[in-house]
Amino acid sequence: MPATASAATRPMWVVSIVDDAEHAVTRDDLAAGIASGSGTYRALCQATVIPPSMTEPPGSRCPYCTAVLRLRRRTTA
């Protein structure tokens, strides 16, 4: 059976107005962004995510974030 990420380690996909892409952001990075009051978050690909209005439709997923997640799955499986 493949290993699955727990809710604590599974990232959330957040759209960024910088590139209109969805980026994977960890729970810890979401908390850090909220605590800083900046309204920005650090994605797995190291991009700075600036979320748009919550009414914006999702964009395509960031290929770099997707690659980081695939690599993590391979090394933890």
N, C-alpha and C. Protein backbone atom coordinates (compact mmCIF):
# COMPACT_ATOMS: atom_id res chain seq x y z
N MET A 1 0.85 -1.17 0.00
CA MET A 1 0.00 0.00 0.00
C MET A 1 0.90 1.23 0.00
N PRO A 2 0.65 2.21 -0.89
CA PRO A 2 1.48 3.40 -0.93
C PRO A 2 1.32 4.27 0.30
N ALA A 3 2.39 4.94 0.67
CA ALA A 3 2.33 5.85 1.81
C ALA A 3 1.53 7.08 1.43
N THR A 4 0.71 7.56 2.34
CA THR A 4 -0.06 8.77 2.09
C THR A 4 0.33 9.82 3.12
N ALA A 5 0.28 11.05 2.72
CA ALA A 5 0.65 12.14 3.61
C ALA A 5 -0.47 12.39 4.60
N SER A 6 -0.11 12.71 5.82
CA SER A 6 -1.11 13.07 6.82
C SER A 6 -1.60 14.48 6.51
N ALA A 7 -2.69 14.86 7.11
CA ALA A 7 -3.24 16.20 6.89
C ALA A 7 -2.24 17.28 7.30
N ALA A 8 -1.39 16.97 8.28
CA ALA A 8 -0.41 17.96 8.76
C ALA A 8 0.70 18.20 7.75
N THR A 9 1.07 17.18 6.97
CA THR A 9 2.17 17.34 6.03
C THR A 9 1.69 17.56 4.59
N ARG A 10 0.45 17.29 4.31
CA ARG A 10 -0.08 17.48 2.95
C ARG A 10 -0.20 18.97 2.67
N PRO A 11 0.37 19.45 1.57
CA PRO A 11 0.29 20.88 1.29
C PRO A 11 -1.09 21.29 0.78
N MET A 12 -1.33 22.56 0.85
CA MET A 12 -2.56 23.15 0.31
C MET A 12 -2.15 23.86 -0.98
N TRP A 13 -2.99 23.76 -1.99
CA TRP A 13 -2.70 24.44 -3.26
C TRP A 13 -3.31 25.82 -3.21
N VAL A 14 -2.47 26.85 -3.43
CA VAL A 14 -2.88 28.24 -3.33
C VAL A 14 -2.51 28.96 -4.63
N VAL A 15 -3.48 29.66 -5.22
CA VAL A 15 -3.22 30.42 -6.44
C VAL A 15 -2.42 31.67 -6.08
N SER A 16 -1.50 32.04 -6.97
CA SER A 16 -0.72 33.26 -6.78
C SER A 16 -1.01 34.24 -7.91
N ILE A 17 -1.20 35.51 -7.56
CA ILE A 17 -1.43 36.51 -8.59
C ILE A 17 -0.16 36.82 -9.37
N VAL A 18 0.98 36.39 -8.87
CA VAL A 18 2.25 36.65 -9.54
C VAL A 18 2.31 35.94 -10.89
N ASP A 19 1.90 34.67 -10.91
CA ASP A 19 1.99 33.89 -12.15
C ASP A 19 0.70 33.14 -12.50
N ASP A 20 -0.37 33.38 -11.75
CA ASP A 20 -1.67 32.72 -11.97
C ASP A 20 -1.60 31.20 -11.87
N ALA A 21 -0.61 30.70 -11.17
CA ALA A 21 -0.46 29.26 -10.99
C ALA A 21 -0.83 28.89 -9.56
N GLU A 22 -1.23 27.62 -9.38
CA GLU A 22 -1.47 27.09 -8.04
C GLU A 22 -0.14 26.55 -7.52
N HIS A 23 0.24 26.95 -6.33
CA HIS A 23 1.48 26.50 -5.72
C HIS A 23 1.17 25.70 -4.46
N ALA A 24 2.00 24.71 -4.17
CA ALA A 24 1.87 23.90 -2.98
C ALA A 24 2.51 24.63 -1.81
N VAL A 25 1.73 24.85 -0.75
CA VAL A 25 2.20 25.56 0.44
C VAL A 25 1.92 24.66 1.64
N THR A 26 2.95 24.44 2.47
CA THR A 26 2.78 23.58 3.64
C THR A 26 2.00 24.29 4.73
N ARG A 27 1.51 23.52 5.66
CA ARG A 27 0.78 24.07 6.80
C ARG A 27 1.66 25.03 7.60
N ASP A 28 2.92 24.66 7.79
CA ASP A 28 3.85 25.52 8.53
C ASP A 28 4.08 26.84 7.80
N ASP A 29 4.21 26.79 6.47
CA ASP A 29 4.43 28.02 5.71
C ASP A 29 3.17 28.88 5.66
N LEU A 30 1.99 28.24 5.66
CA LEU A 30 0.75 29.02 5.77
C LEU A 30 0.70 29.74 7.11
N ALA A 31 1.03 29.02 8.18
CA ALA A 31 1.00 29.62 9.52
C ALA A 31 2.01 30.76 9.62
N ALA A 32 3.20 30.58 9.04
CA ALA A 32 4.22 31.63 9.08
C ALA A 32 3.75 32.87 8.32
N GLY A 33 3.09 32.68 7.18
CA GLY A 33 2.58 33.81 6.41
C GLY A 33 1.49 34.55 7.15
N ILE A 34 0.63 33.81 7.82
CA ILE A 34 -0.45 34.43 8.60
C ILE A 34 0.14 35.19 9.78
N ALA A 35 1.09 34.56 10.49
CA ALA A 35 1.70 35.19 11.66
C ALA A 35 2.47 36.47 11.31
N SER A 36 3.08 36.49 10.14
CA SER A 36 3.87 37.66 9.74
C SER A 36 2.98 38.84 9.35
N GLY A 37 1.73 38.55 9.00
CA GLY A 37 0.82 39.61 8.59
C GLY A 37 1.09 40.14 7.19
N SER A 38 2.00 39.49 6.47
CA SER A 38 2.38 39.96 5.13
C SER A 38 1.37 39.57 4.06
N GLY A 39 0.61 38.51 4.33
CA GLY A 39 -0.33 38.03 3.32
C GLY A 39 0.33 37.25 2.21
N THR A 40 1.61 36.89 2.41
CA THR A 40 2.32 36.09 1.41
C THR A 40 2.77 34.78 2.05
N TYR A 41 3.00 33.80 1.19
CA TYR A 41 3.37 32.47 1.65
C TYR A 41 4.51 31.94 0.80
N ARG A 42 5.35 31.08 1.37
CA ARG A 42 6.44 30.46 0.64
C ARG A 42 5.98 29.09 0.14
N ALA A 43 6.08 28.88 -1.18
CA ALA A 43 5.68 27.61 -1.79
C ALA A 43 6.82 26.61 -1.73
N LEU A 44 6.51 25.35 -2.01
CA LEU A 44 7.54 24.31 -2.04
C LEU A 44 8.63 24.60 -3.06
N CYS A 45 8.26 25.28 -4.15
CA CYS A 45 9.23 25.63 -5.19
C CYS A 45 10.00 26.90 -4.83
N GLN A 46 9.76 27.45 -3.64
CA GLN A 46 10.38 28.66 -3.12
C GLN A 46 9.82 29.95 -3.70
N ALA A 47 8.76 29.86 -4.49
CA ALA A 47 8.10 31.07 -4.99
C ALA A 47 7.37 31.75 -3.85
N THR A 48 7.28 33.07 -3.93
CA THR A 48 6.47 33.83 -2.98
C THR A 48 5.07 33.89 -3.54
N VAL A 49 4.12 33.33 -2.80
CA VAL A 49 2.73 33.26 -3.24
C VAL A 49 1.96 34.43 -2.66
N ILE A 50 1.32 35.18 -3.55
CA ILE A 50 0.44 36.27 -3.16
C ILE A 50 -0.96 35.87 -3.63
N PRO A 51 -1.82 35.45 -2.71
CA PRO A 51 -3.13 34.96 -3.14
C PRO A 51 -4.05 36.08 -3.63
N PRO A 52 -4.87 35.79 -4.64
CA PRO A 52 -5.84 36.77 -5.14
C PRO A 52 -7.12 36.69 -4.32
N SER A 53 -8.12 37.36 -4.79
CA SER A 53 -9.44 37.25 -4.19
C SER A 53 -9.86 35.78 -4.21
N MET A 54 -10.59 35.38 -3.21
CA MET A 54 -11.02 33.98 -3.13
C MET A 54 -12.03 33.61 -4.23
N THR A 55 -12.47 34.58 -5.00
CA THR A 55 -13.41 34.28 -6.09
C THR A 55 -12.69 33.95 -7.39
N GLU A 56 -11.35 34.08 -7.40
CA GLU A 56 -10.58 33.76 -8.60
C GLU A 56 -10.57 32.25 -8.83
N PRO A 57 -10.74 31.81 -10.07
CA PRO A 57 -10.68 30.37 -10.34
C PRO A 57 -9.24 29.88 -10.22
N PRO A 58 -9.06 28.61 -9.91
CA PRO A 58 -7.71 28.08 -9.80
C PRO A 58 -7.01 28.08 -11.16
N GLY A 59 -5.70 28.24 -11.13
CA GLY A 59 -4.91 28.17 -12.35
C GLY A 59 -4.33 26.78 -12.51
N SER A 60 -3.37 26.66 -13.40
CA SER A 60 -2.70 25.37 -13.55
C SER A 60 -1.70 25.21 -12.39
N ARG A 61 -1.41 23.98 -12.06
CA ARG A 61 -0.50 23.72 -10.95
C ARG A 61 0.95 23.98 -11.35
N CYS A 62 1.70 24.51 -10.44
CA CYS A 62 3.11 24.81 -10.66
C CYS A 62 3.87 23.51 -10.92
N PRO A 63 4.56 23.40 -12.04
CA PRO A 63 5.29 22.16 -12.31
C PRO A 63 6.43 21.91 -11.34
N TYR A 64 7.01 22.97 -10.78
CA TYR A 64 8.11 22.80 -9.83
C TYR A 64 7.61 22.28 -8.48
N CYS A 65 6.47 22.81 -8.01
CA CYS A 65 5.87 22.29 -6.78
C CYS A 65 5.47 20.82 -6.97
N THR A 66 4.90 20.52 -8.13
CA THR A 66 4.50 19.14 -8.43
C THR A 66 5.71 18.21 -8.42
N ALA A 67 6.83 18.66 -8.98
CA ALA A 67 8.04 17.85 -8.99
C ALA A 67 8.58 17.63 -7.58
N VAL A 68 8.55 18.66 -6.74
CA VAL A 68 9.01 18.52 -5.35
C VAL A 68 8.14 17.47 -4.63
N LEU A 69 6.83 17.53 -4.83
CA LEU A 69 5.93 16.58 -4.18
C LEU A 69 6.19 15.15 -4.66
N ARG A 70 6.42 14.98 -5.96
CA ARG A 70 6.72 13.64 -6.49
C ARG A 70 8.01 13.10 -5.90
N LEU A 71 9.02 13.96 -5.81
CA LEU A 71 10.30 13.53 -5.23
C LEU A 71 10.12 13.14 -3.77
N ARG A 72 9.34 13.91 -3.01
CA ARG A 72 9.09 13.57 -1.61
C ARG A 72 8.39 12.22 -1.49
N ARG A 73 7.42 11.95 -2.37
CA ARG A 73 6.70 10.67 -2.32
C ARG A 73 7.65 9.51 -2.59
N ARG A 74 8.55 9.69 -3.55
CA ARG A 74 9.49 8.63 -3.90
C ARG A 74 10.45 8.33 -2.76
N THR A 75 10.88 9.37 -2.05
CA THR A 75 11.86 9.16 -0.99
C THR A 75 11.23 8.68 0.31
N THR A 76 9.91 8.85 0.47
CA THR A 76 9.25 8.40 1.69
C THR A 76 8.50 7.09 1.48
N ALA A 77 8.39 6.62 0.26
CA ALA A 77 7.65 5.38 -0.02
C ALA A 77 8.49 4.16 0.26
